[in-house]
Amino acid sequence: MVPISLLLRNRPFHEQYAYGLIAMGFLEFGGYAMQTSYAFPNNLLDQFFGGRTFALGMALFFALYFPAGNWLVRKIYDRLFPKASQNR
């Protein structure tokens, strides 16, 4: 997820989420197809979305990690290096 996050860091929130959703869709569905991911029975998302849409719910949720993570890193960077952030 980190390389994708780095590629998306200068894009607006909605683009980061949209591209992150595509990436997470491939990661989630690929993980379940290759049986490298495991959904624990009766977990909260499974109960809320149902078994057939679990991967979709996971992709929708984890796609937020890209814009949220990039926002958090930017805020930390601006606090640690205030002069460098003014020159942008």
PDB file of N, CA and C in Angstrom:
ATOM      1  N   MET A   1       0.812  -1.187   0.000  1.00  0.00           N
ATOM      2  CA  MET A   1       0.000   0.000   0.000  1.00  0.00           C
ATOM      3  C   MET A   1       0.855   1.250   0.000  1.00  0.00           C
ATOM      4  N   VAL A   2       2.046   1.178   0.557  1.00  0.00           N
ATOM      5  CA  VAL A   2       2.908   2.366   0.633  1.00  0.00           C
ATOM      6  C   VAL A   2       3.299   2.875  -0.752  1.00  0.00           C
ATOM      7  N   PRO A   3       3.736   2.021  -1.685  1.00  0.00           N
ATOM      8  CA  PRO A   3       4.072   2.552  -3.012  1.00  0.00           C
ATOM      9  C   PRO A   3       2.884   3.230  -3.697  1.00  0.00           C
ATOM     10  N   ILE A   4       1.695   2.681  -3.539  1.00  0.00           N
ATOM     11  CA  ILE A   4       0.510   3.291  -4.133  1.00  0.00           C
ATOM     12  C   ILE A   4       0.232   4.628  -3.468  1.00  0.00           C
ATOM     13  N   SER A   5       0.402   4.686  -2.162  1.00  0.00           N
ATOM     14  CA  SER A   5       0.207   5.928  -1.425  1.00  0.00           C
ATOM     15  C   SER A   5       1.165   7.011  -1.905  1.00  0.00           C
ATOM     16  N   LEU A   6       2.408   6.627  -2.138  1.00  0.00           N
ATOM     17  CA  LEU A   6       3.387   7.594  -2.623  1.00  0.00           C
ATOM     18  C   LEU A   6       3.028   8.105  -4.017  1.00  0.00           C
ATOM     19  N   LEU A   7       2.524   7.242  -4.858  1.00  0.00           N
ATOM     20  CA  LEU A   7       2.119   7.673  -6.196  1.00  0.00           C
ATOM     21  C   LEU A   7       0.927   8.625  -6.165  1.00  0.00           C
ATOM     22  N   LEU A   8       0.074   8.481  -5.171  1.00  0.00           N
ATOM     23  CA  LEU A   8      -1.154   9.274  -5.095  1.00  0.00           C
ATOM     24  C   LEU A   8      -1.044  10.523  -4.228  1.00  0.00           C
ATOM     25  N   ARG A   9       0.074  10.744  -3.567  1.00  0.00           N
ATOM     26  CA  ARG A   9       0.150  11.763  -2.520  1.00  0.00           C
ATOM     27  C   ARG A   9      -0.154  13.185  -2.974  1.00  0.00           C
ATOM     28  N   ASN A  10       0.076  13.547  -4.219  1.00  0.00           N
ATOM     29  CA  ASN A  10      -0.167  14.922  -4.674  1.00  0.00           C
ATOM     30  C   ASN A  10      -1.508  15.093  -5.375  1.00  0.00           C
ATOM     31  N   ARG A  11      -2.343  14.108  -5.323  1.00  0.00           N
ATOM     32  CA  ARG A  11      -3.657  14.179  -5.958  1.00  0.00           C
ATOM     33  C   ARG A  11      -4.706  14.604  -4.932  1.00  0.00           C
ATOM     34  N   PRO A  12      -5.840  15.149  -5.395  1.00  0.00           N
ATOM     35  CA  PRO A  12      -6.907  15.526  -4.443  1.00  0.00           C
ATOM     36  C   PRO A  12      -7.506  14.293  -3.761  1.00  0.00           C
ATOM     37  N   PHE A  13      -8.227  14.543  -2.674  1.00  0.00           N
ATOM     38  CA  PHE A  13      -8.795  13.477  -1.841  1.00  0.00           C
ATOM     39  C   PHE A  13      -9.618  12.490  -2.660  1.00  0.00           C
ATOM     40  N   HIS A  14     -10.525  13.003  -3.493  1.00  0.00           N
ATOM     41  CA  HIS A  14     -11.422  12.100  -4.227  1.00  0.00           C
ATOM     42  C   HIS A  14     -10.664  11.219  -5.222  1.00  0.00           C
ATOM     43  N   GLU A  15      -9.588  11.741  -5.815  1.00  0.00           N
ATOM     44  CA  GLU A  15      -8.788  10.915  -6.725  1.00  0.00           C
ATOM     45  C   GLU A  15      -8.002   9.859  -5.953  1.00  0.00           C
ATOM     46  N   GLN A  16      -7.454  10.235  -4.794  1.00  0.00           N
ATOM     47  CA  GLN A  16      -6.737   9.257  -3.977  1.00  0.00           C
ATOM     48  C   GLN A  16      -7.671   8.124  -3.570  1.00  0.00           C
ATOM     49  N   TYR A  17      -8.894   8.474  -3.190  1.00  0.00           N
ATOM     50  CA  TYR A  17      -9.847   7.441  -2.783  1.00  0.00           C
ATOM     51  C   TYR A  17     -10.235   6.564  -3.972  1.00  0.00           C
ATOM     52  N   ALA A  18     -10.490   7.181  -5.110  1.00  0.00           N
ATOM     53  CA  ALA A  18     -10.914   6.408  -6.289  1.00  0.00           C
ATOM     54  C   ALA A  18      -9.813   5.451  -6.750  1.00  0.00           C
ATOM     55  N   TYR A  19      -8.594   5.954  -6.876  1.00  0.00           N
ATOM     56  CA  TYR A  19      -7.496   5.075  -7.283  1.00  0.00           C
ATOM     57  C   TYR A  19      -7.178   4.048  -6.195  1.00  0.00           C
ATOM     58  N   GLY A  20      -7.304   4.459  -4.941  1.00  0.00           N
ATOM     59  CA  GLY A  20      -7.101   3.527  -3.833  1.00  0.00           C
ATOM     60  C   GLY A  20      -8.145   2.432  -3.825  1.00  0.00           C
ATOM     61  N   LEU A  21      -9.362   2.768  -4.221  1.00  0.00           N
ATOM     62  CA  LEU A  21     -10.427   1.774  -4.290  1.00  0.00           C
ATOM     63  C   LEU A  21     -10.123   0.725  -5.358  1.00  0.00           C
ATOM     64  N   ILE A  22      -9.599   1.168  -6.480  1.00  0.00           N
ATOM     65  CA  ILE A  22      -9.218   0.219  -7.537  1.00  0.00           C
ATOM     66  C   ILE A  22      -8.105  -0.698  -7.026  1.00  0.00           C
ATOM     67  N   ALA A  23      -7.089  -0.092  -6.420  1.00  0.00           N
ATOM     68  CA  ALA A  23      -5.964  -0.887  -5.907  1.00  0.00           C
ATOM     69  C   ALA A  23      -6.421  -1.869  -4.835  1.00  0.00           C
ATOM     70  N   MET A  24      -7.254  -1.405  -3.900  1.00  0.00           N
ATOM     71  CA  MET A  24      -7.716  -2.284  -2.832  1.00  0.00           C
ATOM     72  C   MET A  24      -8.651  -3.363  -3.365  1.00  0.00           C
ATOM     73  N   GLY A  25      -9.403  -3.055  -4.408  1.00  0.00           N
ATOM     74  CA  GLY A  25     -10.251  -4.080  -5.023  1.00  0.00           C
ATOM     75  C   GLY A  25      -9.408  -5.230  -5.534  1.00  0.00           C
ATOM     76  N   PHE A  26      -8.329  -4.911  -6.251  1.00  0.00           N
ATOM     77  CA  PHE A  26      -7.444  -5.959  -6.743  1.00  0.00           C
ATOM     78  C   PHE A  26      -6.785  -6.712  -5.589  1.00  0.00           C
ATOM     79  N   LEU A  27      -6.342  -5.985  -4.561  1.00  0.00           N
ATOM     80  CA  LEU A  27      -5.682  -6.631  -3.435  1.00  0.00           C
ATOM     81  C   LEU A  27      -6.649  -7.528  -2.653  1.00  0.00           C
ATOM     82  N   GLU A  28      -7.840  -7.028  -2.373  1.00  0.00           N
ATOM     83  CA  GLU A  28      -8.816  -7.812  -1.596  1.00  0.00           C
ATOM     84  C   GLU A  28      -9.309  -9.036  -2.361  1.00  0.00           C
ATOM     85  N   PHE A  29      -9.771  -8.813  -3.582  1.00  0.00           N
ATOM     86  CA  PHE A  29     -10.305  -9.941  -4.343  1.00  0.00           C
ATOM     87  C   PHE A  29      -9.203 -10.935  -4.689  1.00  0.00           C
ATOM     88  N   GLY A  30      -8.013 -10.423  -4.973  1.00  0.00           N
ATOM     89  CA  GLY A  30      -6.883 -11.316  -5.239  1.00  0.00           C
ATOM     90  C   GLY A  30      -6.517 -12.145  -4.023  1.00  0.00           C
ATOM     91  N   GLY A  31      -6.542 -11.520  -2.859  1.00  0.00           N
ATOM     92  CA  GLY A  31      -6.233 -12.244  -1.626  1.00  0.00           C
ATOM     93  C   GLY A  31      -7.224 -13.347  -1.330  1.00  0.00           C
ATOM     94  N   TYR A  32      -8.498 -13.082  -1.553  1.00  0.00           N
ATOM     95  CA  TYR A  32      -9.503 -14.123  -1.314  1.00  0.00           C
ATOM     96  C   TYR A  32      -9.462 -15.186  -2.404  1.00  0.00           C
ATOM     97  N   ALA A  33      -9.170 -14.790  -3.649  1.00  0.00           N
ATOM     98  CA  ALA A  33      -9.105 -15.761  -4.743  1.00  0.00           C
ATOM     99  C   ALA A  33      -7.932 -16.719  -4.557  1.00  0.00           C
ATOM    100  N   MET A  34      -6.800 -16.200  -4.071  1.00  0.00           N
ATOM    101  CA  MET A  34      -5.624 -17.055  -3.851  1.00  0.00           C
ATOM    102  C   MET A  34      -5.629 -17.686  -2.462  1.00  0.00           C
ATOM    103  N   GLN A  35      -6.669 -17.381  -1.689  1.00  0.00           N
ATOM    104  CA  GLN A  35      -6.843 -17.884  -0.330  1.00  0.00           C
ATOM    105  C   GLN A  35      -5.685 -17.500   0.584  1.00  0.00           C
ATOM    106  N   THR A  36      -5.129 -16.284   0.360  1.00  0.00           N
ATOM    107  CA  THR A  36      -4.102 -15.765   1.257  1.00  0.00           C
ATOM    108  C   THR A  36      -4.709 -14.815   2.291  1.00  0.00           C
ATOM    109  N   SER A  37      -5.974 -14.447   2.116  1.00  0.00           N
ATOM    110  CA  SER A  37      -6.706 -13.647   3.084  1.00  0.00           C
ATOM    111  C   SER A  37      -7.771 -14.517   3.729  1.00  0.00           C
ATOM    112  N   TYR A  38      -8.070 -14.225   4.979  1.00  0.00           N
ATOM    113  CA  TYR A  38      -9.059 -15.007   5.698  1.00  0.00           C
ATOM    114  C   TYR A  38     -10.015 -14.060   6.408  1.00  0.00           C
ATOM    115  N   ALA A  39     -11.286 -14.213   6.189  1.00  0.00           N
ATOM    116  CA  ALA A  39     -12.306 -13.433   6.887  1.00  0.00           C
ATOM    117  C   ALA A  39     -12.809 -14.260   8.062  1.00  0.00           C
ATOM    118  N   PHE A  40     -12.597 -13.772   9.253  1.00  0.00           N
ATOM    119  CA  PHE A  40     -13.064 -14.491  10.432  1.00  0.00           C
ATOM    120  C   PHE A  40     -14.588 -14.531  10.447  1.00  0.00           C
ATOM    121  N   PRO A  41     -15.162 -15.673  10.771  1.00  0.00           N
ATOM    122  CA  PRO A  41     -16.625 -15.803  10.770  1.00  0.00           C
ATOM    123  C   PRO A  41     -17.271 -14.854  11.779  1.00  0.00           C
ATOM    124  N   ASN A  42     -18.426 -14.345  11.415  1.00  0.00           N
ATOM    125  CA  ASN A  42     -19.241 -13.475  12.272  1.00  0.00           C
ATOM    126  C   ASN A  42     -18.525 -12.198  12.705  1.00  0.00           C
ATOM    127  N   ASN A  43     -17.599 -11.696  11.885  1.00  0.00           N
ATOM    128  CA  ASN A  43     -16.991 -10.412  12.235  1.00  0.00           C
ATOM    129  C   ASN A  43     -17.985  -9.294  11.931  1.00  0.00           C
ATOM    130  N   LEU A  44     -17.674  -8.084  12.378  1.00  0.00           N
ATOM    131  CA  LEU A  44     -18.621  -6.973  12.282  1.00  0.00           C
ATOM    132  C   LEU A  44     -18.985  -6.639  10.832  1.00  0.00           C
ATOM    133  N   LEU A  45     -17.990  -6.567   9.938  1.00  0.00           N
ATOM    134  CA  LEU A  45     -18.291  -6.261   8.537  1.00  0.00           C
ATOM    135  C   LEU A  45     -19.095  -7.367   7.877  1.00  0.00           C
ATOM    136  N   ASP A  46     -18.792  -8.593   8.223  1.00  0.00           N
ATOM    137  CA  ASP A  46     -19.533  -9.725   7.672  1.00  0.00           C
ATOM    138  C   ASP A  46     -20.990  -9.678   8.119  1.00  0.00           C
ATOM    139  N   GLN A  47     -21.225  -9.312   9.354  1.00  0.00           N
ATOM    140  CA  GLN A  47     -22.587  -9.209   9.862  1.00  0.00           C
ATOM    141  C   GLN A  47     -23.326  -8.033   9.227  1.00  0.00           C
ATOM    142  N   PHE A  48     -22.625  -6.927   9.017  1.00  0.00           N
ATOM    143  CA  PHE A  48     -23.253  -5.725   8.478  1.00  0.00           C
ATOM    144  C   PHE A  48     -23.503  -5.846   6.975  1.00  0.00           C
ATOM    145  N   PHE A  49     -22.488  -6.290   6.212  1.00  0.00           N
ATOM    146  CA  PHE A  49     -22.595  -6.356   4.757  1.00  0.00           C
ATOM    147  C   PHE A  49     -23.075  -7.701   4.243  1.00  0.00           C
ATOM    148  N   GLY A  50     -22.823  -8.755   4.981  1.00  0.00           N
ATOM    149  CA  GLY A  50     -23.144 -10.095   4.501  1.00  0.00           C
ATOM    150  C   GLY A  50     -21.917 -10.741   3.887  1.00  0.00           C
ATOM    151  N   GLY A  51     -21.953 -12.048   3.782  1.00  0.00           N
ATOM    152  CA  GLY A  51     -20.797 -12.792   3.313  1.00  0.00           C
ATOM    153  C   GLY A  51     -20.415 -12.526   1.871  1.00  0.00           C
ATOM    154  N   ARG A  52     -21.372 -12.264   1.027  1.00  0.00           N
ATOM    155  CA  ARG A  52     -21.084 -12.090  -0.392  1.00  0.00           C
ATOM    156  C   ARG A  52     -20.453 -10.748  -0.703  1.00  0.00           C
ATOM    157  N   THR A  53     -20.633  -9.775   0.106  1.00  0.00           N
ATOM    158  CA  THR A  53     -20.080  -8.451  -0.174  1.00  0.00           C
ATOM    159  C   THR A  53     -18.969  -8.067   0.799  1.00  0.00           C
ATOM    160  N   PHE A  54     -18.422  -9.042   1.484  1.00  0.00           N
ATOM    161  CA  PHE A  54     -17.387  -8.751   2.472  1.00  0.00           C
ATOM    162  C   PHE A  54     -16.169  -8.091   1.836  1.00  0.00           C
ATOM    163  N   ALA A  55     -15.688  -8.623   0.704  1.00  0.00           N
ATOM    164  CA  ALA A  55     -14.508  -8.059   0.045  1.00  0.00           C
ATOM    165  C   ALA A  55     -14.775  -6.644  -0.435  1.00  0.00           C
ATOM    166  N   LEU A  56     -15.982  -6.374  -0.909  1.00  0.00           N
ATOM    167  CA  LEU A  56     -16.327  -5.019  -1.328  1.00  0.00           C
ATOM    168  C   LEU A  56     -16.300  -4.068  -0.141  1.00  0.00           C
ATOM    169  N   GLY A  57     -16.860  -4.486   0.973  1.00  0.00           N
ATOM    170  CA  GLY A  57     -16.830  -3.658   2.179  1.00  0.00           C
ATOM    171  C   GLY A  57     -15.413  -3.385   2.643  1.00  0.00           C
ATOM    172  N   MET A  58     -14.566  -4.393   2.579  1.00  0.00           N
ATOM    173  CA  MET A  58     -13.162  -4.213   2.972  1.00  0.00           C
ATOM    174  C   MET A  58     -12.462  -3.243   2.022  1.00  0.00           C
ATOM    175  N   ALA A  59     -12.703  -3.372   0.730  1.00  0.00           N
ATOM    176  CA  ALA A  59     -12.070  -2.481  -0.248  1.00  0.00           C
ATOM    177  C   ALA A  59     -12.534  -1.043  -0.040  1.00  0.00           C
ATOM    178  N   LEU A  60     -13.834  -0.846   0.191  1.00  0.00           N
ATOM    179  CA  LEU A  60     -14.350   0.505   0.433  1.00  0.00           C
ATOM    180  C   LEU A  60     -13.738   1.119   1.686  1.00  0.00           C
ATOM    181  N   PHE A  61     -13.595   0.320   2.727  1.00  0.00           N
ATOM    182  CA  PHE A  61     -13.034   0.809   3.986  1.00  0.00           C
ATOM    183  C   PHE A  61     -11.548   1.117   3.850  1.00  0.00           C
ATOM    184  N   PHE A  62     -10.770   0.169   3.334  1.00  0.00           N
ATOM    185  CA  PHE A  62      -9.325   0.348   3.291  1.00  0.00           C
ATOM    186  C   PHE A  62      -8.868   1.310   2.206  1.00  0.00           C
ATOM    187  N   ALA A  63      -9.729   1.641   1.257  1.00  0.00           N
ATOM    188  CA  ALA A  63      -9.373   2.665   0.267  1.00  0.00           C
ATOM    189  C   ALA A  63      -9.222   4.030   0.936  1.00  0.00           C
ATOM    190  N   LEU A  64      -9.855   4.217   2.083  1.00  0.00           N
ATOM    191  CA  LEU A  64      -9.701   5.472   2.827  1.00  0.00           C
ATOM    192  C   LEU A  64      -8.309   5.623   3.431  1.00  0.00           C
ATOM    193  N   TYR A  65      -7.573   4.519   3.544  1.00  0.00           N
ATOM    194  CA  TYR A  65      -6.224   4.595   4.097  1.00  0.00           C
ATOM    195  C   TYR A  65      -5.306   5.458   3.246  1.00  0.00           C
ATOM    196  N   PHE A  66      -5.502   5.476   1.929  1.00  0.00           N
ATOM    197  CA  PHE A  66      -4.615   6.245   1.062  1.00  0.00           C
ATOM    198  C   PHE A  66      -4.748   7.745   1.313  1.00  0.00           C
ATOM    199  N   PRO A  67      -5.943   8.350   1.190  1.00  0.00           N
ATOM    200  CA  PRO A  67      -6.028   9.787   1.451  1.00  0.00           C
ATOM    201  C   PRO A  67      -5.816  10.143   2.929  1.00  0.00           C
ATOM    202  N   ALA A  68      -6.310   9.303   3.836  1.00  0.00           N
ATOM    203  CA  ALA A  68      -6.139   9.596   5.265  1.00  0.00           C
ATOM    204  C   ALA A  68      -4.670   9.501   5.674  1.00  0.00           C
ATOM    205  N   GLY A  69      -3.983   8.485   5.192  1.00  0.00           N
ATOM    206  CA  GLY A  69      -2.556   8.335   5.506  1.00  0.00           C
ATOM    207  C   GLY A  69      -1.721   9.460   4.920  1.00  0.00           C
ATOM    208  N   ASN A  70      -2.007   9.847   3.684  1.00  0.00           N
ATOM    209  CA  ASN A  70      -1.268  10.944   3.068  1.00  0.00           C
ATOM    210  C   ASN A  70      -1.537  12.268   3.778  1.00  0.00           C
ATOM    211  N   TRP A  71      -2.775  12.477   4.214  1.00  0.00           N
ATOM    212  CA  TRP A  71      -3.100  13.694   4.966  1.00  0.00           C
ATOM    213  C   TRP A  71      -2.333  13.732   6.285  1.00  0.00           C
ATOM    214  N   LEU A  72      -2.306  12.595   6.992  1.00  0.00           N
ATOM    215  CA  LEU A  72      -1.612  12.524   8.277  1.00  0.00           C
ATOM    216  C   LEU A  72      -0.108  12.748   8.111  1.00  0.00           C
ATOM    217  N   VAL A  73       0.480  12.132   7.110  1.00  0.00           N
ATOM    218  CA  VAL A  73       1.917  12.314   6.864  1.00  0.00           C
ATOM    219  C   VAL A  73       2.215  13.778   6.531  1.00  0.00           C
ATOM    220  N   ARG A  74       1.366  14.408   5.734  1.00  0.00           N
ATOM    221  CA  ARG A  74       1.566  15.823   5.399  1.00  0.00           C
ATOM    222  C   ARG A  74       1.503  16.696   6.647  1.00  0.00           C
ATOM    223  N   LYS A  75       0.545  16.444   7.545  1.00  0.00           N
ATOM    224  CA  LYS A  75       0.419  17.224   8.784  1.00  0.00           C
ATOM    225  C   LYS A  75       1.655  17.040   9.668  1.00  0.00           C
ATOM    226  N   ILE A  76       2.134  15.823   9.790  1.00  0.00           N
ATOM    227  CA  ILE A  76       3.338  15.565  10.593  1.00  0.00           C
ATOM    228  C   ILE A  76       4.547  16.248   9.969  1.00  0.00           C
ATOM    229  N   TYR A  77       4.671  16.147   8.645  1.00  0.00           N
ATOM    230  CA  TYR A  77       5.790  16.779   7.941  1.00  0.00           C
ATOM    231  C   TYR A  77       5.759  18.297   8.131  1.00  0.00           C
ATOM    232  N   ASP A  78       4.578  18.902   8.024  1.00  0.00           N
ATOM    233  CA  ASP A  78       4.454  20.356   8.193  1.00  0.00           C
ATOM    234  C   ASP A  78       4.834  20.793   9.600  1.00  0.00           C
ATOM    235  N   ARG A  79       4.565  19.959  10.587  1.00  0.00           N
ATOM    236  CA  ARG A  79       4.946  20.301  11.968  1.00  0.00           C
ATOM    237  C   ARG A  79       6.439  20.130  12.210  1.00  0.00           C
ATOM    238  N   LEU A  80       7.023  19.093  11.621  1.00  0.00           N
ATOM    239  CA  LEU A  80       8.453  18.840  11.812  1.00  0.00           C
ATOM    240  C   LEU A  80       9.328  19.797  11.010  1.00  0.00           C
ATOM    241  N   PHE A  81       8.875  20.182   9.827  1.00  0.00           N
ATOM    242  CA  PHE A  81       9.658  21.035   8.931  1.00  0.00           C
ATOM    243  C   PHE A  81       8.809  22.217   8.461  1.00  0.00           C
ATOM    244  N   PRO A  82       8.538  23.186   9.349  1.00  0.00           N
ATOM    245  CA  PRO A  82       7.626  24.276   8.984  1.00  0.00           C
ATOM    246  C   PRO A  82       8.163  25.159   7.848  1.00  0.00           C
ATOM    247  N   LYS A  83       9.462  25.386   7.788  1.00  0.00           N
ATOM    248  CA  LYS A  83      10.004  26.251   6.739  1.00  0.00           C
ATOM    249  C   LYS A  83       9.923  25.565   5.370  1.00  0.00           C
ATOM    250  N   ALA A  84      10.141  24.271   5.345  1.00  0.00           N
ATOM    251  CA  ALA A  84      10.084  23.539   4.074  1.00  0.00           C
ATOM    252  C   ALA A  84       8.656  23.512   3.530  1.00  0.00           C
ATOM    253  N   SER A  85       7.662  23.454   4.421  1.00  0.00           N
ATOM    254  CA  SER A  85       6.283  23.415   3.956  1.00  0.00           C
ATOM    255  C   SER A  85       5.812  24.777   3.459  1.00  0.00           C
ATOM    256  N   GLN A  86       6.433  25.866   3.898  1.00  0.00           N
ATOM    257  CA  GLN A  86       6.078  27.189   3.409  1.00  0.00           C
ATOM    258  C   GLN A  86       6.579  27.423   1.992  1.00  0.00           C
ATOM    259  N   ASN A  87       7.636  26.740   1.593  1.00  0.00           N
ATOM    260  CA  ASN A  87       8.223  26.923   0.269  1.00  0.00           C
ATOM    261  C   ASN A  87       7.484  26.153  -0.812  1.00  0.00           C
ATOM    262  N   ARG A  88       6.519  25.346  -0.444  1.00  0.00           N
ATOM    263  CA  ARG A  88       5.787  24.568  -1.466  1.00  0.00           C
ATOM    264  C   ARG A  88       4.854  25.425  -2.235  1.00  0.00           C
TER     265      ARG A  88
END
